[in-house]
Amino acid sequence: MTDDPVELDEHRGMAAQKSTEIRRRLHQVQADQAALRRRQEEFERHAVAAPSTTWAEAAAEARYLIRHCFRAGSAAARRDLRG
């Protein structure tokens, strides 16, 4: 018996290897998206908790909201921002 790990992907076909890699990457993307959502929610709670005390804070919050609306891909949000 050896202590060296066995690379299981070497014993599988190319389609199975690609399928495994796709599942791994999908899981990583989903984890990254969940972490991003948590950070966004935390920021939004913080931003709403107290009004801006300076113009710089107000501008930073406005930039965030504008970017968030455009990234959301919502055509309605874009129309609302354009007036």
PDB file of N, CA and C in Angstrom:
ATOM      1  N   MET A   1       0.848  -1.168   0.000  1.00  0.00           N
ATOM      2  CA  MET A   1       0.000   0.000   0.000  1.00  0.00           C
ATOM      3  C   MET A   1       0.898   1.237   0.000  1.00  0.00           C
ATOM      4  N   THR A   2       0.485   2.275  -0.781  1.00  0.00           N
ATOM      5  CA  THR A   2       1.295   3.490  -0.873  1.00  0.00           C
ATOM      6  C   THR A   2       0.573   4.649  -0.212  1.00  0.00           C
ATOM      7  N   ASP A   3       1.340   5.658   0.140  1.00  0.00           N
ATOM      8  CA  ASP A   3       0.763   6.858   0.730  1.00  0.00           C
ATOM      9  C   ASP A   3       0.480   7.932  -0.314  1.00  0.00           C
ATOM     10  N   ASP A   4       0.829   7.661  -1.564  1.00  0.00           N
ATOM     11  CA  ASP A   4       0.612   8.641  -2.626  1.00  0.00           C
ATOM     12  C   ASP A   4      -0.862   8.656  -3.030  1.00  0.00           C
ATOM     13  N   PRO A   5      -1.435   9.853  -3.196  1.00  0.00           N
ATOM     14  CA  PRO A   5      -2.830   9.923  -3.615  1.00  0.00           C
ATOM     15  C   PRO A   5      -2.975   9.455  -5.067  1.00  0.00           C
ATOM     16  N   VAL A   6      -4.112   8.909  -5.363  1.00  0.00           N
ATOM     17  CA  VAL A   6      -4.403   8.433  -6.711  1.00  0.00           C
ATOM     18  C   VAL A   6      -5.187   9.523  -7.435  1.00  0.00           C
ATOM     19  N   GLU A   7      -4.729   9.887  -8.620  1.00  0.00           N
ATOM     20  CA  GLU A   7      -5.436  10.875  -9.442  1.00  0.00           C
ATOM     21  C   GLU A   7      -6.523  10.130 -10.213  1.00  0.00           C
ATOM     22  N   LEU A   8      -7.738  10.224  -9.708  1.00  0.00           N
ATOM     23  CA  LEU A   8      -8.834   9.455 -10.295  1.00  0.00           C
ATOM     24  C   LEU A   8      -9.204   9.927 -11.696  1.00  0.00           C
ATOM     25  N   ASP A   9      -9.021  11.210 -11.975  1.00  0.00           N
ATOM     26  CA  ASP A   9      -9.396  11.717 -13.289  1.00  0.00           C
ATOM     27  C   ASP A   9      -8.585  11.074 -14.410  1.00  0.00           C
ATOM     28  N   GLU A  10      -7.394  10.591 -14.102  1.00  0.00           N
ATOM     29  CA  GLU A  10      -6.574   9.940 -15.127  1.00  0.00           C
ATOM     30  C   GLU A  10      -7.219   8.657 -15.633  1.00  0.00           C
ATOM     31  N   HIS A  11      -8.077   8.062 -14.860  1.00  0.00           N
ATOM     32  CA  HIS A  11      -8.680   6.781 -15.212  1.00  0.00           C
ATOM     33  C   HIS A  11     -10.079   6.943 -15.810  1.00  0.00           C
ATOM     34  N   ARG A  12     -10.462   8.163 -16.092  1.00  0.00           N
ATOM     35  CA  ARG A  12     -11.802   8.412 -16.623  1.00  0.00           C
ATOM     36  C   ARG A  12     -11.688   8.969 -18.032  1.00  0.00           C
ATOM     37  N   GLY A  13     -12.764   8.885 -18.766  1.00  0.00           N
ATOM     38  CA  GLY A  13     -12.779   9.418 -20.122  1.00  0.00           C
ATOM     39  C   GLY A  13     -12.785  10.937 -20.126  1.00  0.00           C
ATOM     40  N   MET A  14     -12.497  11.510 -21.286  1.00  0.00           N
ATOM     41  CA  MET A  14     -12.428  12.964 -21.413  1.00  0.00           C
ATOM     42  C   MET A  14     -13.776  13.618 -21.116  1.00  0.00           C
ATOM     43  N   ALA A  15     -14.870  13.028 -21.572  1.00  0.00           N
ATOM     44  CA  ALA A  15     -16.200  13.601 -21.318  1.00  0.00           C
ATOM     45  C   ALA A  15     -16.493  13.631 -19.822  1.00  0.00           C
ATOM     46  N   ALA A  16     -16.146  12.586 -19.121  1.00  0.00           N
ATOM     47  CA  ALA A  16     -16.372  12.534 -17.673  1.00  0.00           C
ATOM     48  C   ALA A  16     -15.502  13.557 -16.964  1.00  0.00           C
ATOM     49  N   GLN A  17     -14.270  13.749 -17.430  1.00  0.00           N
ATOM     50  CA  GLN A  17     -13.391  14.742 -16.825  1.00  0.00           C
ATOM     51  C   GLN A  17     -13.941  16.148 -17.020  1.00  0.00           C
ATOM     52  N   LYS A  18     -14.422  16.428 -18.236  1.00  0.00           N
ATOM     53  CA  LYS A  18     -14.990  17.750 -18.506  1.00  0.00           C
ATOM     54  C   LYS A  18     -16.242  17.986 -17.678  1.00  0.00           C
ATOM     55  N   SER A  19     -17.058  16.962 -17.573  1.00  0.00           N
ATOM     56  CA  SER A  19     -18.280  17.079 -16.772  1.00  0.00           C
ATOM     57  C   SER A  19     -17.951  17.384 -15.310  1.00  0.00           C
ATOM     58  N   THR A  20     -16.958  16.709 -14.786  1.00  0.00           N
ATOM     59  CA  THR A  20     -16.532  16.941 -13.405  1.00  0.00           C
ATOM     60  C   THR A  20     -16.010  18.358 -13.243  1.00  0.00           C
ATOM     61  N   GLU A  21     -15.198  18.815 -14.195  1.00  0.00           N
ATOM     62  CA  GLU A  21     -14.644  20.164 -14.127  1.00  0.00           C
ATOM     63  C   GLU A  21     -15.754  21.211 -14.193  1.00  0.00           C
ATOM     64  N   ILE A  22     -16.747  20.989 -15.025  1.00  0.00           N
ATOM     65  CA  ILE A  22     -17.876  21.920 -15.123  1.00  0.00           C
ATOM     66  C   ILE A  22     -18.629  21.981 -13.803  1.00  0.00           C
ATOM     67  N   ARG A  23     -18.872  20.828 -13.188  1.00  0.00           N
ATOM     68  CA  ARG A  23     -19.562  20.812 -11.886  1.00  0.00           C
ATOM     69  C   ARG A  23     -18.761  21.541 -10.826  1.00  0.00           C
ATOM     70  N   ARG A  24     -17.449  21.344 -10.828  1.00  0.00           N
ATOM     71  CA  ARG A  24     -16.592  22.019  -9.842  1.00  0.00           C
ATOM     72  C   ARG A  24     -16.642  23.534 -10.033  1.00  0.00           C
ATOM     73  N   ARG A  25     -16.537  23.965 -11.276  1.00  0.00           N
ATOM     74  CA  ARG A  25     -16.563  25.405 -11.538  1.00  0.00           C
ATOM     75  C   ARG A  25     -17.922  26.008 -11.231  1.00  0.00           C
ATOM     76  N   LEU A  26     -18.988  25.296 -11.570  1.00  0.00           N
ATOM     77  CA  LEU A  26     -20.330  25.783 -11.263  1.00  0.00           C
ATOM     78  C   LEU A  26     -20.504  25.958  -9.759  1.00  0.00           C
ATOM     79  N   HIS A  27     -20.029  24.999  -9.001  1.00  0.00           N
ATOM     80  CA  HIS A  27     -20.119  25.095  -7.539  1.00  0.00           C
ATOM     81  C   HIS A  27     -19.330  26.303  -7.035  1.00  0.00           C
ATOM     82  N   GLN A  28     -18.152  26.529  -7.610  1.00  0.00           N
ATOM     83  CA  GLN A  28     -17.333  27.666  -7.201  1.00  0.00           C
ATOM     84  C   GLN A  28     -18.030  28.982  -7.542  1.00  0.00           C
ATOM     85  N   VAL A  29     -18.625  29.073  -8.710  1.00  0.00           N
ATOM     86  CA  VAL A  29     -19.345  30.287  -9.110  1.00  0.00           C
ATOM     87  C   VAL A  29     -20.531  30.529  -8.182  1.00  0.00           C
ATOM     88  N   GLN A  30     -21.273  29.483  -7.871  1.00  0.00           N
ATOM     89  CA  GLN A  30     -22.417  29.638  -6.968  1.00  0.00           C
ATOM     90  C   GLN A  30     -21.975  30.093  -5.584  1.00  0.00           C
ATOM     91  N   ALA A  31     -20.868  29.568  -5.100  1.00  0.00           N
ATOM     92  CA  ALA A  31     -20.351  29.987  -3.790  1.00  0.00           C
ATOM     93  C   ALA A  31     -19.917  31.452  -3.835  1.00  0.00           C
ATOM     94  N   ASP A  32     -19.265  31.857  -4.931  1.00  0.00           N
ATOM     95  CA  ASP A  32     -18.843  33.258  -5.076  1.00  0.00           C
ATOM     96  C   ASP A  32     -20.055  34.189  -5.135  1.00  0.00           C
ATOM     97  N   GLN A  33     -21.087  33.776  -5.862  1.00  0.00           N
ATOM     98  CA  GLN A  33     -22.292  34.597  -5.958  1.00  0.00           C
ATOM     99  C   GLN A  33     -22.984  34.731  -4.607  1.00  0.00           C
ATOM    100  N   ALA A  34     -23.027  33.653  -3.850  1.00  0.00           N
ATOM    101  CA  ALA A  34     -23.644  33.706  -2.521  1.00  0.00           C
ATOM    102  C   ALA A  34     -22.858  34.644  -1.604  1.00  0.00           C
ATOM    103  N   ALA A  35     -21.535  34.586  -1.679  1.00  0.00           N
ATOM    104  CA  ALA A  35     -20.705  35.476  -0.858  1.00  0.00           C
ATOM    105  C   ALA A  35     -20.923  36.933  -1.272  1.00  0.00           C
ATOM    106  N   LEU A  36     -21.022  37.180  -2.562  1.00  0.00           N
ATOM    107  CA  LEU A  36     -21.261  38.535  -3.048  1.00  0.00           C
ATOM    108  C   LEU A  36     -22.614  39.050  -2.572  1.00  0.00           C
ATOM    109  N   ARG A  37     -23.644  38.206  -2.643  1.00  0.00           N
ATOM    110  CA  ARG A  37     -24.969  38.612  -2.164  1.00  0.00           C
ATOM    111  C   ARG A  37     -24.934  38.966  -0.685  1.00  0.00           C
ATOM    112  N   ARG A  38     -24.212  38.168   0.104  1.00  0.00           N
ATOM    113  CA  ARG A  38     -24.103  38.465   1.545  1.00  0.00           C
ATOM    114  C   ARG A  38     -23.415  39.808   1.764  1.00  0.00           C
ATOM    115  N   ARG A  39     -22.334  40.075   1.015  1.00  0.00           N
ATOM    116  CA  ARG A  39     -21.640  41.361   1.165  1.00  0.00           C
ATOM    117  C   ARG A  39     -22.524  42.520   0.731  1.00  0.00           C
ATOM    118  N   GLN A  40     -23.284  42.343  -0.343  1.00  0.00           N
ATOM    119  CA  GLN A  40     -24.182  43.399  -0.789  1.00  0.00           C
ATOM    120  C   GLN A  40     -25.262  43.680   0.245  1.00  0.00           C
ATOM    121  N   GLU A  41     -25.835  42.624   0.793  1.00  0.00           N
ATOM    122  CA  GLU A  41     -26.869  42.801   1.811  1.00  0.00           C
ATOM    123  C   GLU A  41     -26.305  43.509   3.038  1.00  0.00           C
ATOM    124  N   GLU A  42     -25.094  43.136   3.428  1.00  0.00           N
ATOM    125  CA  GLU A  42     -24.461  43.783   4.581  1.00  0.00           C
ATOM    126  C   GLU A  42     -24.235  45.272   4.304  1.00  0.00           C
ATOM    127  N   PHE A  43     -23.746  45.583   3.114  1.00  0.00           N
ATOM    128  CA  PHE A  43     -23.532  46.987   2.767  1.00  0.00           C
ATOM    129  C   PHE A  43     -24.847  47.747   2.750  1.00  0.00           C
ATOM    130  N   GLU A  44     -25.879  47.152   2.154  1.00  0.00           N
ATOM    131  CA  GLU A  44     -27.165  47.833   2.073  1.00  0.00           C
ATOM    132  C   GLU A  44     -27.753  48.073   3.450  1.00  0.00           C
ATOM    133  N   ARG A  45     -27.606  47.123   4.361  1.00  0.00           N
ATOM    134  CA  ARG A  45     -28.079  47.331   5.742  1.00  0.00           C
ATOM    135  C   ARG A  45     -27.319  48.491   6.378  1.00  0.00           C
ATOM    136  N   HIS A  46     -26.019  48.521   6.148  1.00  0.00           N
ATOM    137  CA  HIS A  46     -25.189  49.593   6.704  1.00  0.00           C
ATOM    138  C   HIS A  46     -25.567  50.945   6.088  1.00  0.00           C
ATOM    139  N   ALA A  47     -25.778  50.977   4.780  1.00  0.00           N
ATOM    140  CA  ALA A  47     -26.077  52.229   4.089  1.00  0.00           C
ATOM    141  C   ALA A  47     -27.430  52.798   4.509  1.00  0.00           C
ATOM    142  N   VAL A  48     -28.381  51.925   4.791  1.00  0.00           N
ATOM    143  CA  VAL A  48     -29.721  52.369   5.170  1.00  0.00           C
ATOM    144  C   VAL A  48     -29.804  52.704   6.657  1.00  0.00           C
ATOM    145  N   ALA A  49     -28.882  52.176   7.436  1.00  0.00           N
ATOM    146  CA  ALA A  49     -28.944  52.342   8.889  1.00  0.00           C
ATOM    147  C   ALA A  49     -28.879  53.802   9.311  1.00  0.00           C
ATOM    148  N   ALA A  50     -28.086  54.594   8.606  1.00  0.00           N
ATOM    149  CA  ALA A  50     -27.942  56.002   8.984  1.00  0.00           C
ATOM    150  C   ALA A  50     -27.794  56.834   7.715  1.00  0.00           C
ATOM    151  N   PRO A  51     -28.317  58.039   7.731  1.00  0.00           N
ATOM    152  CA  PRO A  51     -28.167  58.893   6.550  1.00  0.00           C
ATOM    153  C   PRO A  51     -26.715  59.325   6.368  1.00  0.00           C
ATOM    154  N   SER A  52     -26.392  59.666   5.143  1.00  0.00           N
ATOM    155  CA  SER A  52     -25.036  60.142   4.842  1.00  0.00           C
ATOM    156  C   SER A  52     -24.778  61.437   5.595  1.00  0.00           C
ATOM    157  N   THR A  53     -23.570  61.569   6.103  1.00  0.00           N
ATOM    158  CA  THR A  53     -23.229  62.792   6.837  1.00  0.00           C
ATOM    159  C   THR A  53     -22.393  63.749   5.993  1.00  0.00           C
ATOM    160  N   THR A  54     -21.847  63.243   4.877  1.00  0.00           N
ATOM    161  CA  THR A  54     -21.057  64.109   3.997  1.00  0.00           C
ATOM    162  C   THR A  54     -21.491  63.884   2.556  1.00  0.00           C
ATOM    163  N   TRP A  55     -21.120  64.827   1.700  1.00  0.00           N
ATOM    164  CA  TRP A  55     -21.423  64.682   0.280  1.00  0.00           C
ATOM    165  C   TRP A  55     -20.675  63.482  -0.297  1.00  0.00           C
ATOM    166  N   ALA A  56     -19.485  63.209   0.201  1.00  0.00           N
ATOM    167  CA  ALA A  56     -18.707  62.068  -0.296  1.00  0.00           C
ATOM    168  C   ALA A  56     -19.429  60.748  -0.001  1.00  0.00           C
ATOM    169  N   GLU A  57     -19.985  60.626   1.192  1.00  0.00           N
ATOM    170  CA  GLU A  57     -20.742  59.415   1.538  1.00  0.00           C
ATOM    171  C   GLU A  57     -21.982  59.294   0.665  1.00  0.00           C
ATOM    172  N   ALA A  58     -22.683  60.396   0.473  1.00  0.00           N
ATOM    173  CA  ALA A  58     -23.886  60.379  -0.359  1.00  0.00           C
ATOM    174  C   ALA A  58     -23.540  59.984  -1.792  1.00  0.00           C
ATOM    175  N   ALA A  59     -22.433  60.504  -2.306  1.00  0.00           N
ATOM    176  CA  ALA A  59     -22.010  60.173  -3.669  1.00  0.00           C
ATOM    177  C   ALA A  59     -21.629  58.703  -3.783  1.00  0.00           C
ATOM    178  N   ALA A  60     -20.944  58.187  -2.778  1.00  0.00           N
ATOM    179  CA  ALA A  60     -20.551  56.778  -2.796  1.00  0.00           C
ATOM    180  C   ALA A  60     -21.780  55.877  -2.790  1.00  0.00           C
ATOM    181  N   GLU A  61     -22.766  56.204  -1.978  1.00  0.00           N
ATOM    182  CA  GLU A  61     -23.994  55.415  -1.946  1.00  0.00           C
ATOM    183  C   GLU A  61     -24.749  55.519  -3.266  1.00  0.00           C
ATOM    184  N   ALA A  62     -24.799  56.710  -3.853  1.00  0.00           N
ATOM    185  CA  ALA A  62     -25.474  56.890  -5.139  1.00  0.00           C
ATOM    186  C   ALA A  62     -24.771  56.083  -6.227  1.00  0.00           C
ATOM    187  N   ARG A  63     -23.430  56.120  -6.257  1.00  0.00           N
ATOM    188  CA  ARG A  63     -22.675  55.326  -7.233  1.00  0.00           C
ATOM    189  C   ARG A  63     -22.990  53.849  -7.080  1.00  0.00           C
ATOM    190  N   TYR A  64     -23.026  53.389  -5.849  1.00  0.00           N
ATOM    191  CA  TYR A  64     -23.320  51.981  -5.602  1.00  0.00           C
ATOM    192  C   TYR A  64     -24.704  51.619  -6.141  1.00  0.00           C
ATOM    193  N   LEU A  65     -25.692  52.437  -5.820  1.00  0.00           N
ATOM    194  CA  LEU A  65     -27.058  52.141  -6.260  1.00  0.00           C
ATOM    195  C   LEU A  65     -27.170  52.158  -7.778  1.00  0.00           C
ATOM    196  N   ILE A  66     -26.530  53.104  -8.425  1.00  0.00           N
ATOM    197  CA  ILE A  66     -26.583  53.177  -9.881  1.00  0.00           C
ATOM    198  C   ILE A  66     -25.926  51.946 -10.495  1.00  0.00           C
ATOM    199  N   ARG A  67     -24.750  51.594 -10.008  1.00  0.00           N
ATOM    200  CA  ARG A  67     -24.070  50.398 -10.533  1.00  0.00           C
ATOM    201  C   ARG A  67     -24.890  49.147 -10.283  1.00  0.00           C
ATOM    202  N   HIS A  68     -25.469  49.054  -9.102  1.00  0.00           N
ATOM    203  CA  HIS A  68     -26.265  47.873  -8.750  1.00  0.00           C
ATOM    204  C   HIS A  68     -27.452  47.729  -9.692  1.00  0.00           C
ATOM    205  N   CYS A  69     -28.113  48.830  -9.987  1.00  0.00           N
ATOM    206  CA  CYS A  69     -29.260  48.780 -10.903  1.00  0.00           C
ATOM    207  C   CYS A  69     -28.832  48.351 -12.297  1.00  0.00           C
ATOM    208  N   PHE A  70     -27.718  48.882 -12.780  1.00  0.00           N
ATOM    209  CA  PHE A  70     -27.267  48.521 -14.122  1.00  0.00           C
ATOM    210  C   PHE A  70     -26.776  47.084 -14.183  1.00  0.00           C
ATOM    211  N   ARG A  71     -26.147  46.615 -13.136  1.00  0.00           N
ATOM    212  CA  ARG A  71     -25.673  45.226 -13.132  1.00  0.00           C
ATOM    213  C   ARG A  71     -26.821  44.240 -13.004  1.00  0.00           C
ATOM    214  N   ALA A  72     -27.892  44.667 -12.399  1.00  0.00           N
ATOM    215  CA  ALA A  72     -29.029  43.778 -12.211  1.00  0.00           C
ATOM    216  C   ALA A  72     -29.643  43.384 -13.548  1.00  0.00           C
ATOM    217  N   GLY A  73     -29.350  44.165 -14.570  1.00  0.00           N
ATOM    218  CA  GLY A  73     -29.863  43.816 -15.887  1.00  0.00           C
ATOM    219  C   GLY A  73     -31.326  44.154 -16.063  1.00  0.00           C
ATOM    220  N   SER A  74     -31.842  44.972 -15.196  1.00  0.00           N
ATOM    221  CA  SER A  74     -33.252  45.313 -15.260  1.00  0.00           C
ATOM    222  C   SER A  74     -33.460  46.505 -16.193  1.00  0.00           C
ATOM    223  N   ALA A  75     -34.160  46.283 -17.282  1.00  0.00           N
ATOM    224  CA  ALA A  75     -34.450  47.359 -18.226  1.00  0.00           C
ATOM    225  C   ALA A  75     -35.309  48.429 -17.561  1.00  0.00           C
ATOM    226  N   ALA A  76     -36.210  48.021 -16.698  1.00  0.00           N
ATOM    227  CA  ALA A  76     -37.078  48.984 -16.015  1.00  0.00           C
ATOM    228  C   ALA A  76     -36.252  49.894 -15.108  1.00  0.00           C
ATOM    229  N   ALA A  77     -35.282  49.331 -14.407  1.00  0.00           N
ATOM    230  CA  ALA A  77     -34.429  50.137 -13.525  1.00  0.00           C
ATOM    231  C   ALA A  77     -33.629  51.139 -14.347  1.00  0.00           C
ATOM    232  N   ARG A  78     -33.161  50.712 -15.506  1.00  0.00           N
ATOM    233  CA  ARG A  78     -32.410  51.623 -16.369  1.00  0.00           C
ATOM    234  C   ARG A  78     -33.284  52.755 -16.851  1.00  0.00           C
ATOM    235  N   ARG A  79     -34.517  52.443 -17.233  1.00  0.00           N
ATOM    236  CA  ARG A  79     -35.435  53.488 -17.690  1.00  0.00           C
ATOM    237  C   ARG A  79     -35.717  54.476 -16.560  1.00  0.00           C
ATOM    238  N   ASP A  80     -35.896  53.966 -15.344  1.00  0.00           N
ATOM    239  CA  ASP A  80     -36.172  54.833 -14.199  1.00  0.00           C
ATOM    240  C   ASP A  80     -35.016  55.802 -13.951  1.00  0.00           C
ATOM    241  N   LEU A  81     -33.795  55.307 -14.092  1.00  0.00           N
ATOM    242  CA  LEU A  81     -32.629  56.157 -13.857  1.00  0.00           C
ATOM    243  C   LEU A  81     -32.469  57.220 -14.943  1.00  0.00           C
ATOM    244  N   ARG A  82     -32.850  56.888 -16.165  1.00  0.00           N
ATOM    245  CA  ARG A  82     -32.697  57.838 -17.274  1.00  0.00           C
ATOM    246  C   ARG A  82     -33.773  58.913 -17.235  1.00  0.00           C
ATOM    247  N   GLY A  83     -34.854  58.623 -16.564  1.00  0.00           N
ATOM    248  CA  GLY A  83     -35.908  59.632 -16.413  1.00  0.00           C
ATOM    249  C   GLY A  83     -37.005  59.504 -17.344  1.00  0.00           C
TER     250      GLY A  83
END
